[in-house]
């Protein structure tokens, strides 16, 4: 079985980017999944997420972090 990890990054303009990696063991896939989430927890992106799934499409884990973006009226010098 192959395990797929998807990193999903949503930018302030609403565009979405994905990074996909394949892993031959679940432990390696879980390591990558948690590595993404450790970065996502402190990310400056509005939304940053990770999904761990099998190559036949079964989802094992998914989690996301939302970081509200300050409006230009809230930004001060």
C-alpha atoms as a PDB file:
ATOM      1  CA  UNK A   1       0.000   0.000   0.000  1.00  0.00           C
ATOM      2  CA  UNK A   2       1.094   3.565  -0.681  1.00  0.00           C
ATOM      3  CA  UNK A   3       0.215   6.472   1.579  1.00  0.00           C
ATOM      4  CA  UNK A   4      -0.440   9.931   0.187  1.00  0.00           C
ATOM      5  CA  UNK A   5       0.061  13.182   2.113  1.00  0.00           C
ATOM      6  CA  UNK A   6      -1.450  16.370   0.741  1.00  0.00           C
ATOM      7  CA  UNK A   7      -0.505  19.813   2.012  1.00  0.00           C
ATOM      8  CA  UNK A   8      -3.096  22.474   1.196  1.00  0.00           C
ATOM      9  CA  UNK A   9      -2.219  26.159   1.427  1.00  0.00           C
ATOM     10  CA  UNK A  10      -4.774  28.918   0.908  1.00  0.00           C
ATOM     11  CA  UNK A  11      -3.349  32.372   0.234  1.00  0.00           C
ATOM     12  CA  UNK A  12      -4.845  35.733   1.199  1.00  0.00           C
ATOM     13  CA  UNK A  13      -6.113  36.221  -2.378  1.00  0.00           C
ATOM     14  CA  UNK A  14      -8.004  32.916  -2.170  1.00  0.00           C
ATOM     15  CA  UNK A  15      -5.707  30.936  -4.440  1.00  0.00           C
ATOM     16  CA  UNK A  16      -4.995  27.399  -3.292  1.00  0.00           C
ATOM     17  CA  UNK A  17      -1.782  25.456  -3.692  1.00  0.00           C
ATOM     18  CA  UNK A  18      -1.188  21.783  -3.018  1.00  0.00           C
ATOM     19  CA  UNK A  19       1.936  19.743  -2.386  1.00  0.00           C
ATOM     20  CA  UNK A  20       1.526  15.967  -2.703  1.00  0.00           C
ATOM     21  CA  UNK A  21       3.964  13.300  -1.533  1.00  0.00           C
ATOM     22  CA  UNK A  22       3.768   9.492  -1.634  1.00  0.00           C
ATOM     23  CA  UNK A  23       5.200   7.229   1.067  1.00  0.00           C
ATOM     24  CA  UNK A  24       5.757   3.483   1.178  1.00  0.00           C
ATOM     25  CA  UNK A  25       5.091   3.145   4.921  1.00  0.00           C
ATOM     26  CA  UNK A  26       2.417   4.596   7.154  1.00  0.00           C
ATOM     27  CA  UNK A  27       5.020   5.754   9.693  1.00  0.00           C
ATOM     28  CA  UNK A  28       6.836   7.814   7.049  1.00  0.00           C
ATOM     29  CA  UNK A  29       3.527   9.269   5.879  1.00  0.00           C
ATOM     30  CA  UNK A  30       2.510  10.158   9.434  1.00  0.00           C
ATOM     31  CA  UNK A  31       5.877  11.828   9.966  1.00  0.00           C
ATOM     32  CA  UNK A  32       5.310  14.033   6.902  1.00  0.00           C
ATOM     33  CA  UNK A  33       1.690  14.741   7.921  1.00  0.00           C
ATOM     34  CA  UNK A  34       2.733  15.933  11.384  1.00  0.00           C
ATOM     35  CA  UNK A  35       5.646  17.926   9.965  1.00  0.00           C
ATOM     36  CA  UNK A  36       3.192  19.847   7.787  1.00  0.00           C
ATOM     37  CA  UNK A  37       0.861  20.462  10.731  1.00  0.00           C
ATOM     38  CA  UNK A  38       3.698  21.702  12.933  1.00  0.00           C
ATOM     39  CA  UNK A  39       4.389  24.382  10.326  1.00  0.00           C
ATOM     40  CA  UNK A  40       0.692  25.041   9.711  1.00  0.00           C
ATOM     41  CA  UNK A  41       0.119  25.774  13.405  1.00  0.00           C
ATOM     42  CA  UNK A  42       2.264  28.913  13.179  1.00  0.00           C
ATOM     43  CA  UNK A  43       1.750  29.687   9.498  1.00  0.00           C
ATOM     44  CA  UNK A  44       0.845  33.162   8.293  1.00  0.00           C
ATOM     45  CA  UNK A  45      -1.443  31.725   5.619  1.00  0.00           C
ATOM     46  CA  UNK A  46      -5.176  32.209   6.180  1.00  0.00           C
ATOM     47  CA  UNK A  47      -5.723  28.431   5.948  1.00  0.00           C
ATOM     48  CA  UNK A  48      -3.116  25.681   6.029  1.00  0.00           C
ATOM     49  CA  UNK A  49      -4.114  22.012   6.060  1.00  0.00           C
ATOM     50  CA  UNK A  50      -2.895  18.437   5.703  1.00  0.00           C
ATOM     51  CA  UNK A  51      -4.549  15.189   4.643  1.00  0.00           C
ATOM     52  CA  UNK A  52      -3.210  11.648   5.016  1.00  0.00           C
ATOM     53  CA  UNK A  53      -4.855   9.035   2.827  1.00  0.00           C
ATOM     54  CA  UNK A  54      -4.250   5.707   1.138  1.00  0.00           C
ATOM     55  CA  UNK A  55      -3.659   5.395  -2.578  1.00  0.00           C
ATOM     56  CA  UNK A  56      -7.180   3.958  -2.972  1.00  0.00           C
ATOM     57  CA  UNK A  57      -8.695   7.189  -1.634  1.00  0.00           C
ATOM     58  CA  UNK A  58      -9.456   6.285   1.978  1.00  0.00           C
ATOM     59  CA  UNK A  59      -8.844   9.248   4.275  1.00  0.00           C
ATOM     60  CA  UNK A  60      -6.941   8.436   7.468  1.00  0.00           C
ATOM     61  CA  UNK A  61      -6.428  11.907   8.987  1.00  0.00           C
ATOM     62  CA  UNK A  62      -7.071  15.519   8.112  1.00  0.00           C
ATOM     63  CA  UNK A  63      -6.606  18.739  10.027  1.00  0.00           C
ATOM     64  CA  UNK A  64      -6.427  22.429   9.245  1.00  0.00           C
ATOM     65  CA  UNK A  65      -5.423  25.668  10.918  1.00  0.00           C
ATOM     66  CA  UNK A  66      -7.123  28.993  10.267  1.00  0.00           C
ATOM     67  CA  UNK A  67      -5.280  32.242  10.842  1.00  0.00           C
ATOM     68  CA  UNK A  68      -7.448  35.338  10.461  1.00  0.00           C
ATOM     69  CA  UNK A  69      -5.833  37.994   8.326  1.00  0.00           C
ATOM     70  CA  UNK A  70      -5.877  41.505   9.787  1.00  0.00           C
ATOM     71  CA  UNK A  71      -7.692  43.981   7.595  1.00  0.00           C
ATOM     72  CA  UNK A  72      -5.730  46.987   6.372  1.00  0.00           C
ATOM     73  CA  UNK A  73      -7.715  49.135   8.862  1.00  0.00           C
ATOM     74  CA  UNK A  74      -6.306  47.049  11.733  1.00  0.00           C
ATOM     75  CA  UNK A  75      -2.681  47.304  10.643  1.00  0.00           C
ATOM     76  CA  UNK A  76      -0.724  50.020  12.414  1.00  0.00           C
ATOM     77  CA  UNK A  77       2.803  51.396  11.951  1.00  0.00           C
END
